């Protein structure tokens, strides 16, 4: 098992749930890529509302049920591994946003 104690990098990938890559949901393709590349783990979070660059509101309210709710994929690993995969992500994302920040890992265990 990989150790991730101390200072690491947190990458967040902001996309919409209708985003696709090669005919399949983009979030599934990203999870597969992160697993294949040996990342410590990744989590997909679904937002209840949000807007992006075009300021179009996406919400889960019943009267205005959106088919494109915001998703955030969070990945924590070392900076080198995250920096190395960003060019691949650039080729997979047509929109969205990627953010990076420092994270202090205090426990990583199976």
N, C-alpha and C. Protein backbone atom coordinates (compact mmCIF):
# COMPACT_ATOMS: atom_id res chain seq x y z
N UNK A 1 0.84 -1.20 0.00
CA UNK A 1 0.00 0.00 0.00
C UNK A 1 0.88 1.25 0.00
N UNK A 2 0.49 2.21 -0.77
CA UNK A 2 1.20 3.47 -0.91
C UNK A 2 1.00 4.34 0.33
N UNK A 3 2.07 5.02 0.76
CA UNK A 3 1.99 5.94 1.91
C UNK A 3 1.78 7.36 1.39
N UNK A 4 0.91 8.08 2.06
CA UNK A 4 0.64 9.46 1.66
C UNK A 4 0.68 10.41 2.85
N UNK A 5 1.53 10.15 3.81
CA UNK A 5 1.61 11.04 4.97
C UNK A 5 2.18 12.39 4.58
N UNK A 6 1.74 13.42 5.28
CA UNK A 6 2.32 14.75 5.11
C UNK A 6 1.73 15.54 3.95
N UNK A 7 2.53 16.46 3.43
CA UNK A 7 2.08 17.37 2.37
C UNK A 7 1.89 16.63 1.05
N UNK A 8 0.71 16.77 0.48
CA UNK A 8 0.37 16.19 -0.81
C UNK A 8 -0.37 17.24 -1.63
N UNK A 9 -0.84 16.87 -2.80
CA UNK A 9 -1.63 17.77 -3.64
C UNK A 9 -3.05 17.25 -3.76
N UNK A 10 -3.99 18.18 -3.72
CA UNK A 10 -5.40 17.88 -3.93
C UNK A 10 -5.79 18.47 -5.28
N UNK A 11 -6.27 17.62 -6.17
CA UNK A 11 -6.75 18.07 -7.47
C UNK A 11 -8.26 17.90 -7.49
N UNK A 12 -8.94 18.94 -7.94
CA UNK A 12 -10.39 18.88 -8.13
C UNK A 12 -10.68 19.13 -9.61
N UNK A 13 -11.48 18.25 -10.18
CA UNK A 13 -11.88 18.38 -11.58
C UNK A 13 -13.38 18.66 -11.58
N UNK A 14 -13.76 19.84 -12.07
CA UNK A 14 -15.15 20.28 -12.11
C UNK A 14 -15.71 20.04 -13.51
N UNK A 15 -16.75 19.20 -13.60
CA UNK A 15 -17.38 18.89 -14.89
C UNK A 15 -18.89 18.83 -14.68
N UNK A 16 -19.62 18.57 -15.75
CA UNK A 16 -21.06 18.35 -15.67
C UNK A 16 -21.37 16.88 -15.84
N UNK A 17 -22.48 16.42 -15.28
CA UNK A 17 -22.77 14.99 -15.35
C UNK A 17 -23.11 14.54 -16.77
N UNK A 18 -23.44 15.45 -17.68
CA UNK A 18 -23.71 15.06 -19.06
C UNK A 18 -22.45 15.06 -19.93
N UNK A 19 -21.30 15.48 -19.38
CA UNK A 19 -20.06 15.49 -20.15
C UNK A 19 -19.66 14.06 -20.52
N UNK A 20 -19.17 13.91 -21.74
CA UNK A 20 -18.82 12.59 -22.27
C UNK A 20 -17.37 12.57 -22.76
N UNK A 21 -16.81 11.36 -22.77
CA UNK A 21 -15.50 11.13 -23.38
C UNK A 21 -15.59 9.79 -24.10
N UNK A 22 -15.41 9.82 -25.40
CA UNK A 22 -15.49 8.63 -26.24
C UNK A 22 -16.79 7.85 -26.01
N UNK A 23 -17.90 8.59 -25.93
CA UNK A 23 -19.21 7.99 -25.83
C UNK A 23 -19.66 7.53 -24.46
N UNK A 24 -18.86 7.72 -23.45
CA UNK A 24 -19.25 7.30 -22.10
C UNK A 24 -19.14 8.48 -21.15
N UNK A 25 -19.76 8.37 -19.97
CA UNK A 25 -19.67 9.49 -19.02
C UNK A 25 -18.21 9.83 -18.70
N UNK A 26 -17.91 11.12 -18.76
CA UNK A 26 -16.54 11.59 -18.52
C UNK A 26 -16.04 11.19 -17.14
N UNK A 27 -16.90 11.28 -16.12
CA UNK A 27 -16.43 10.95 -14.77
C UNK A 27 -15.99 9.50 -14.68
N UNK A 28 -16.65 8.58 -15.41
CA UNK A 28 -16.23 7.18 -15.40
C UNK A 28 -14.88 7.02 -16.07
N UNK A 29 -14.68 7.71 -17.19
CA UNK A 29 -13.39 7.64 -17.89
C UNK A 29 -12.27 8.20 -17.02
N UNK A 30 -12.54 9.29 -16.28
CA UNK A 30 -11.53 9.87 -15.40
C UNK A 30 -11.19 8.92 -14.26
N UNK A 31 -12.20 8.31 -13.64
CA UNK A 31 -11.93 7.36 -12.55
C UNK A 31 -11.09 6.20 -13.05
N UNK A 32 -11.42 5.69 -14.23
CA UNK A 32 -10.64 4.58 -14.80
C UNK A 32 -9.19 5.00 -15.03
N UNK A 33 -8.99 6.20 -15.55
CA UNK A 33 -7.64 6.70 -15.79
C UNK A 33 -6.86 6.82 -14.49
N UNK A 34 -7.48 7.42 -13.45
CA UNK A 34 -6.79 7.58 -12.17
C UNK A 34 -6.42 6.22 -11.57
N UNK A 35 -7.31 5.26 -11.68
CA UNK A 35 -7.02 3.93 -11.15
C UNK A 35 -5.90 3.26 -11.95
N UNK A 36 -5.97 3.36 -13.27
CA UNK A 36 -4.94 2.76 -14.13
C UNK A 36 -3.56 3.36 -13.86
N UNK A 37 -3.52 4.66 -13.57
CA UNK A 37 -2.26 5.35 -13.32
C UNK A 37 -1.76 5.18 -11.89
N UNK A 38 -2.49 4.45 -11.07
CA UNK A 38 -2.02 4.13 -9.72
C UNK A 38 -2.24 5.20 -8.67
N UNK A 39 -3.23 6.05 -8.87
CA UNK A 39 -3.52 7.07 -7.87
C UNK A 39 -4.05 6.41 -6.60
N UNK A 40 -3.83 7.07 -5.47
CA UNK A 40 -4.23 6.52 -4.17
C UNK A 40 -5.75 6.35 -4.08
N UNK A 41 -6.50 7.21 -4.73
CA UNK A 41 -7.95 7.13 -4.71
C UNK A 41 -8.57 8.35 -5.35
N UNK A 42 -9.84 8.27 -5.65
CA UNK A 42 -10.57 9.38 -6.23
C UNK A 42 -12.02 9.27 -5.79
N UNK A 43 -12.67 10.41 -5.64
CA UNK A 43 -14.07 10.45 -5.23
C UNK A 43 -14.84 11.38 -6.16
N UNK A 44 -16.02 10.95 -6.58
CA UNK A 44 -16.89 11.79 -7.40
C UNK A 44 -18.00 12.32 -6.49
N UNK A 45 -18.13 13.64 -6.48
CA UNK A 45 -19.16 14.31 -5.69
C UNK A 45 -20.16 14.96 -6.64
N UNK A 46 -21.46 14.78 -6.35
CA UNK A 46 -22.51 15.36 -7.20
C UNK A 46 -23.10 16.56 -6.49
N UNK A 47 -23.12 17.69 -7.18
CA UNK A 47 -23.66 18.91 -6.61
C UNK A 47 -25.16 19.01 -6.82
N UNK A 48 -25.82 19.74 -5.93
CA UNK A 48 -27.27 19.95 -6.08
C UNK A 48 -27.58 21.16 -6.95
N UNK A 49 -26.59 22.04 -7.11
CA UNK A 49 -26.78 23.21 -7.97
C UNK A 49 -25.41 23.81 -8.28
N UNK A 50 -25.34 24.55 -9.37
CA UNK A 50 -24.10 25.23 -9.72
C UNK A 50 -24.22 25.90 -11.07
N UNK A 51 -23.21 26.69 -11.42
CA UNK A 51 -23.13 27.27 -12.75
C UNK A 51 -21.66 27.37 -13.13
N UNK A 52 -21.42 27.43 -14.42
CA UNK A 52 -20.05 27.46 -14.93
C UNK A 52 -19.77 28.73 -15.70
N UNK A 53 -18.89 28.61 -16.67
CA UNK A 53 -18.40 29.75 -17.43
C UNK A 53 -19.51 30.51 -18.15
N UNK A 54 -20.55 29.81 -18.56
CA UNK A 54 -21.66 30.47 -19.28
C UNK A 54 -22.74 31.00 -18.35
N UNK A 55 -22.57 30.83 -17.05
CA UNK A 55 -23.51 31.30 -16.03
C UNK A 55 -24.90 30.67 -16.14
N UNK A 56 -24.99 29.50 -16.77
CA UNK A 56 -26.27 28.79 -16.86
C UNK A 56 -26.45 27.98 -15.58
N UNK A 57 -27.54 28.22 -14.85
CA UNK A 57 -27.79 27.56 -13.58
C UNK A 57 -28.28 26.13 -13.80
N UNK A 58 -27.64 25.19 -13.12
CA UNK A 58 -28.05 23.79 -13.12
C UNK A 58 -28.49 23.47 -11.69
N UNK A 59 -29.69 22.92 -11.55
CA UNK A 59 -30.22 22.68 -10.21
C UNK A 59 -30.99 21.37 -10.18
N UNK A 60 -31.17 20.80 -8.98
CA UNK A 60 -31.95 19.57 -8.84
C UNK A 60 -33.36 19.84 -8.35
N UNK A 61 -33.77 21.10 -8.32
CA UNK A 61 -35.13 21.44 -7.89
C UNK A 61 -36.15 20.75 -8.78
N UNK A 62 -37.23 20.29 -8.20
CA UNK A 62 -38.23 19.50 -8.93
C UNK A 62 -38.83 20.23 -10.12
N UNK A 63 -39.11 21.52 -9.97
CA UNK A 63 -39.73 22.25 -11.06
C UNK A 63 -38.79 22.51 -12.22
N UNK A 64 -37.52 22.32 -11.98
CA UNK A 64 -36.52 22.61 -13.00
C UNK A 64 -35.42 21.57 -12.95
N UNK A 65 -35.80 20.32 -13.09
CA UNK A 65 -34.88 19.21 -12.95
C UNK A 65 -33.82 19.25 -14.05
N UNK A 66 -32.58 19.34 -13.66
CA UNK A 66 -31.49 19.43 -14.61
C UNK A 66 -30.94 18.04 -14.91
N UNK A 67 -30.55 17.84 -16.14
CA UNK A 67 -29.88 16.60 -16.55
C UNK A 67 -28.37 16.81 -16.58
N UNK A 68 -27.91 17.94 -16.10
CA UNK A 68 -26.49 18.25 -16.16
C UNK A 68 -26.02 18.87 -14.86
N UNK A 69 -26.21 18.15 -13.76
CA UNK A 69 -25.78 18.66 -12.46
C UNK A 69 -24.25 18.68 -12.40
N UNK A 70 -23.70 19.56 -11.56
CA UNK A 70 -22.25 19.64 -11.44
C UNK A 70 -21.67 18.41 -10.73
N UNK A 71 -20.51 17.97 -11.20
CA UNK A 71 -19.75 16.91 -10.56
C UNK A 71 -18.36 17.43 -10.24
N UNK A 72 -17.81 16.97 -9.13
CA UNK A 72 -16.44 17.29 -8.76
C UNK A 72 -15.74 15.96 -8.48
N UNK A 73 -14.62 15.73 -9.14
CA UNK A 73 -13.81 14.55 -8.86
C UNK A 73 -12.60 15.03 -8.06
N UNK A 74 -12.44 14.48 -6.86
CA UNK A 74 -11.32 14.86 -5.99
C UNK A 74 -10.29 13.74 -5.96
N UNK A 75 -9.04 14.13 -6.11
CA UNK A 75 -7.93 13.18 -6.10
C UNK A 75 -6.82 13.76 -5.22
N UNK A 76 -6.30 12.97 -4.31
CA UNK A 76 -5.16 13.39 -3.50
C UNK A 76 -4.00 12.43 -3.78
N UNK A 77 -2.87 12.98 -4.14
CA UNK A 77 -1.66 12.18 -4.36
C UNK A 77 -0.48 13.15 -4.37
N UNK A 78 0.71 12.65 -4.73
CA UNK A 78 1.87 13.54 -4.73
C UNK A 78 1.84 14.47 -5.94
N UNK A 79 2.51 15.59 -5.80
CA UNK A 79 2.48 16.64 -6.81
C UNK A 79 2.99 16.16 -8.16
N UNK A 80 4.03 15.34 -8.17
CA UNK A 80 4.61 14.86 -9.42
C UNK A 80 3.61 14.02 -10.21
N UNK A 81 2.90 13.13 -9.51
CA UNK A 81 1.93 12.26 -10.19
C UNK A 81 0.78 13.09 -10.77
N UNK A 82 0.32 14.07 -10.03
CA UNK A 82 -0.77 14.91 -10.52
C UNK A 82 -0.30 15.77 -11.69
N UNK A 83 0.88 16.37 -11.59
CA UNK A 83 1.40 17.19 -12.69
C UNK A 83 1.55 16.36 -13.97
N UNK A 84 1.94 15.11 -13.81
CA UNK A 84 2.18 14.24 -14.97
C UNK A 84 0.89 13.92 -15.73
N UNK A 85 -0.24 13.86 -15.03
CA UNK A 85 -1.49 13.44 -15.68
C UNK A 85 -2.27 14.61 -16.28
N UNK A 86 -1.95 15.83 -15.94
CA UNK A 86 -2.72 16.99 -16.42
C UNK A 86 -2.77 17.07 -17.95
N UNK A 87 -1.70 16.80 -18.69
CA UNK A 87 -1.83 16.82 -20.16
C UNK A 87 -2.88 15.83 -20.69
N UNK A 88 -3.01 14.67 -20.06
CA UNK A 88 -4.04 13.71 -20.47
C UNK A 88 -5.44 14.27 -20.18
N UNK A 89 -5.58 14.94 -19.04
CA UNK A 89 -6.87 15.52 -18.70
C UNK A 89 -7.25 16.61 -19.69
N UNK A 90 -6.27 17.41 -20.11
CA UNK A 90 -6.53 18.46 -21.11
C UNK A 90 -7.14 17.89 -22.37
N UNK A 91 -6.73 16.69 -22.75
CA UNK A 91 -7.27 16.04 -23.94
C UNK A 91 -8.64 15.42 -23.73
N UNK A 92 -9.04 15.23 -22.49
CA UNK A 92 -10.33 14.58 -22.19
C UNK A 92 -11.44 15.58 -21.89
N UNK A 93 -11.08 16.73 -21.32
CA UNK A 93 -12.07 17.72 -20.91
C UNK A 93 -12.29 18.73 -22.02
N UNK A 94 -13.54 18.92 -22.41
CA UNK A 94 -13.85 19.97 -23.38
C UNK A 94 -14.23 21.26 -22.69
N UNK A 95 -14.67 21.17 -21.47
CA UNK A 95 -15.02 22.32 -20.66
C UNK A 95 -14.59 22.01 -19.24
N UNK A 96 -15.19 22.67 -18.30
CA UNK A 96 -14.88 22.38 -16.90
C UNK A 96 -13.68 23.16 -16.40
N UNK A 97 -13.18 22.72 -15.26
CA UNK A 97 -12.08 23.42 -14.62
C UNK A 97 -11.31 22.42 -13.76
N UNK A 98 -10.02 22.63 -13.63
CA UNK A 98 -9.17 21.83 -12.75
C UNK A 98 -8.52 22.79 -11.76
N UNK A 99 -8.59 22.47 -10.47
CA UNK A 99 -7.89 23.27 -9.46
C UNK A 99 -6.92 22.37 -8.71
N UNK A 100 -5.86 22.98 -8.21
CA UNK A 100 -4.85 22.28 -7.42
C UNK A 100 -4.61 23.06 -6.14
N UNK A 101 -4.43 22.33 -5.05
CA UNK A 101 -4.04 22.97 -3.79
C UNK A 101 -3.28 21.97 -2.94
N UNK A 102 -2.62 22.48 -1.95
CA UNK A 102 -1.88 21.63 -1.03
C UNK A 102 -2.85 21.01 -0.03
N UNK A 103 -2.56 19.79 0.35
CA UNK A 103 -3.37 19.09 1.36
C UNK A 103 -2.43 18.39 2.31
N UNK A 104 -2.72 18.45 3.58
CA UNK A 104 -1.93 17.73 4.59
C UNK A 104 -2.66 16.45 4.93
N UNK A 105 -2.09 15.34 4.54
CA UNK A 105 -2.69 14.03 4.81
C UNK A 105 -2.25 13.59 6.21
N UNK A 106 -3.21 13.31 7.07
CA UNK A 106 -2.85 12.87 8.41
C UNK A 106 -3.12 11.39 8.63
N UNK A 107 -3.90 10.79 7.71
CA UNK A 107 -4.13 9.36 7.82
C UNK A 107 -4.58 8.81 6.47
N UNK A 108 -3.95 7.74 6.05
CA UNK A 108 -4.33 7.05 4.83
C UNK A 108 -4.18 5.58 5.09
N UNK A 109 -5.30 4.89 5.15
CA UNK A 109 -5.29 3.48 5.54
C UNK A 109 -6.40 2.75 4.82
N UNK A 110 -6.19 1.48 4.53
CA UNK A 110 -7.24 0.65 3.94
C UNK A 110 -8.14 0.10 4.99
